[in-house]
Amino acid sequence: MNTHIKYFSLGVAQDKNVHISQSEDIENLDDFIMLDEHLEQSDRFMDKNSYENS
């Protein structure tokens, strides 16, 4: 069996457009999409903690 694996990432840019990245290697996906989401999640976490501690 000859199976080709492809990885996909989805992200929403600040302009509200959806961005799709695909690759046969997960290391080649669009890191900016993953990094942006990680930073937004961190901001939400920090905002939640600062609200609870005030």
N, C-alpha and C. Protein backbone atom coordinates (compact mmCIF):
# COMPACT_ATOMS: atom_id res chain seq x y z
N MET A 1 0.84 -1.18 0.00
CA MET A 1 0.00 0.00 0.00
C MET A 1 0.89 1.24 0.00
N ASN A 2 0.61 2.17 -0.87
CA ASN A 2 1.37 3.40 -0.98
C ASN A 2 0.52 4.54 -0.42
N THR A 3 0.73 4.88 0.83
CA THR A 3 -0.06 5.90 1.50
C THR A 3 0.75 7.18 1.65
N HIS A 4 0.19 8.28 1.20
CA HIS A 4 0.82 9.58 1.37
C HIS A 4 0.08 10.33 2.46
N ILE A 5 0.81 10.79 3.44
CA ILE A 5 0.21 11.55 4.54
C ILE A 5 0.40 13.03 4.25
N LYS A 6 -0.67 13.77 4.41
CA LYS A 6 -0.61 15.22 4.26
C LYS A 6 -1.14 15.85 5.54
N TYR A 7 -0.50 16.92 5.94
CA TYR A 7 -0.90 17.68 7.12
C TYR A 7 -1.51 19.01 6.67
N PHE A 8 -2.52 19.44 7.41
CA PHE A 8 -3.20 20.69 7.10
C PHE A 8 -3.28 21.54 8.36
N SER A 9 -3.20 22.84 8.19
CA SER A 9 -3.47 23.74 9.31
C SER A 9 -4.42 24.81 8.81
N LEU A 10 -5.32 25.22 9.68
CA LEU A 10 -6.28 26.27 9.39
C LEU A 10 -6.06 27.41 10.36
N GLY A 11 -6.21 28.61 9.89
CA GLY A 11 -6.08 29.76 10.77
C GLY A 11 -6.92 30.90 10.26
N VAL A 12 -7.25 31.82 11.15
CA VAL A 12 -8.00 33.01 10.79
C VAL A 12 -7.09 34.21 11.02
N ALA A 13 -6.89 34.98 9.97
CA ALA A 13 -6.03 36.15 10.07
C ALA A 13 -6.80 37.32 10.68
N GLN A 14 -6.10 38.39 10.97
CA GLN A 14 -6.75 39.56 11.55
C GLN A 14 -7.80 40.15 10.62
N ASP A 15 -7.64 39.94 9.31
CA ASP A 15 -8.63 40.43 8.36
C ASP A 15 -9.83 39.49 8.24
N LYS A 16 -9.88 38.47 9.12
CA LYS A 16 -10.98 37.50 9.22
C LYS A 16 -11.02 36.52 8.05
N ASN A 17 -9.99 36.48 7.23
CA ASN A 17 -9.90 35.49 6.15
C ASN A 17 -9.29 34.21 6.69
N VAL A 18 -9.76 33.08 6.19
CA VAL A 18 -9.23 31.78 6.60
C VAL A 18 -8.00 31.47 5.75
N HIS A 19 -6.95 31.02 6.42
CA HIS A 19 -5.71 30.64 5.75
C HIS A 19 -5.51 29.15 5.93
N ILE A 20 -5.18 28.47 4.85
CA ILE A 20 -4.96 27.03 4.87
C ILE A 20 -3.53 26.76 4.44
N SER A 21 -2.88 25.89 5.19
CA SER A 21 -1.52 25.48 4.85
C SER A 21 -1.51 23.97 4.78
N GLN A 22 -0.80 23.41 3.81
CA GLN A 22 -0.70 21.96 3.69
C GLN A 22 0.72 21.56 3.38
N SER A 23 1.09 20.37 3.84
CA SER A 23 2.44 19.88 3.61
C SER A 23 2.46 18.37 3.85
N GLU A 24 3.44 17.71 3.29
CA GLU A 24 3.64 16.29 3.57
C GLU A 24 4.49 16.11 4.82
N ASP A 25 5.01 17.19 5.37
CA ASP A 25 5.82 17.18 6.58
C ASP A 25 5.26 18.22 7.55
N ILE A 26 4.92 17.80 8.75
CA ILE A 26 4.31 18.72 9.72
C ILE A 26 5.21 19.91 10.03
N GLU A 27 6.51 19.72 9.89
CA GLU A 27 7.46 20.82 10.15
C GLU A 27 7.36 21.93 9.12
N ASN A 28 6.76 21.66 7.97
CA ASN A 28 6.69 22.66 6.91
C ASN A 28 5.36 23.42 6.88
N LEU A 29 4.50 23.17 7.86
CA LEU A 29 3.24 23.91 7.91
C LEU A 29 3.52 25.36 8.27
N ASP A 30 2.54 26.19 7.99
CA ASP A 30 2.67 27.62 8.25
C ASP A 30 2.75 27.87 9.76
N ASP A 31 3.95 28.09 10.25
CA ASP A 31 4.15 28.29 11.69
C ASP A 31 3.49 29.56 12.19
N PHE A 32 3.32 30.54 11.34
CA PHE A 32 2.73 31.80 11.79
C PHE A 32 1.30 31.59 12.26
N ILE A 33 0.55 30.73 11.60
CA ILE A 33 -0.82 30.44 12.03
C ILE A 33 -0.81 29.82 13.42
N MET A 34 0.06 28.83 13.61
CA MET A 34 0.13 28.16 14.91
C MET A 34 0.64 29.11 15.99
N LEU A 35 1.62 29.93 15.66
CA LEU A 35 2.17 30.87 16.63
C LEU A 35 1.14 31.92 17.01
N ASP A 36 0.41 32.45 16.03
CA ASP A 36 -0.63 33.44 16.32
C ASP A 36 -1.67 32.90 17.28
N GLU A 37 -2.13 31.69 17.05
CA GLU A 37 -3.13 31.10 17.92
C GLU A 37 -2.56 30.87 19.32
N HIS A 38 -1.32 30.44 19.38
CA HIS A 38 -0.68 30.23 20.68
C HIS A 38 -0.60 31.55 21.45
N LEU A 39 -0.23 32.62 20.78
CA LEU A 39 -0.13 33.93 21.45
C LEU A 39 -1.50 34.43 21.89
N GLU A 40 -2.52 34.23 21.05
CA GLU A 40 -3.87 34.65 21.43
C GLU A 40 -4.37 33.85 22.63
N GLN A 41 -4.07 32.57 22.66
CA GLN A 41 -4.47 31.74 23.81
C GLN A 41 -3.75 32.22 25.07
N SER A 42 -2.48 32.55 24.96
CA SER A 42 -1.74 33.06 26.11
C SER A 42 -2.33 34.37 26.61
N ASP A 43 -2.70 35.24 25.68
CA ASP A 43 -3.32 36.51 26.07
C ASP A 43 -4.63 36.28 26.81
N ARG A 44 -5.45 35.35 26.31
CA ARG A 44 -6.72 35.05 26.99
C ARG A 44 -6.47 34.52 28.39
N PHE A 45 -5.47 33.65 28.54
CA PHE A 45 -5.13 33.09 29.84
C PHE A 45 -4.67 34.20 30.79
N MET A 46 -3.80 35.08 30.30
CA MET A 46 -3.29 36.16 31.15
C MET A 46 -4.42 37.12 31.54
N ASP A 47 -5.31 37.43 30.59
CA ASP A 47 -6.44 38.31 30.90
C ASP A 47 -7.35 37.70 31.95
N LYS A 48 -7.59 36.40 31.84
CA LYS A 48 -8.45 35.70 32.80
C LYS A 48 -7.82 35.74 34.20
N ASN A 49 -6.53 35.48 34.28
CA ASN A 49 -5.84 35.47 35.57
C ASN A 49 -5.77 36.86 36.19
N SER A 50 -5.56 37.87 35.38
CA SER A 50 -5.48 39.22 35.95
C SER A 50 -6.85 39.66 36.45
N TYR A 51 -7.93 39.22 35.77
CA TYR A 51 -9.28 39.55 36.21
C TYR A 51 -9.60 38.85 37.53
N GLU A 52 -9.20 37.58 37.65
CA GLU A 52 -9.49 36.82 38.87
C GLU A 52 -8.69 37.32 40.06
N ASN A 53 -7.51 37.86 39.83
CA ASN A 53 -6.64 38.32 40.92
C ASN A 53 -6.90 39.75 41.33
N SER A 54 -7.82 40.45 40.67
CA SER A 54 -8.06 41.85 41.02
C SER A 54 -9.25 42.00 41.94
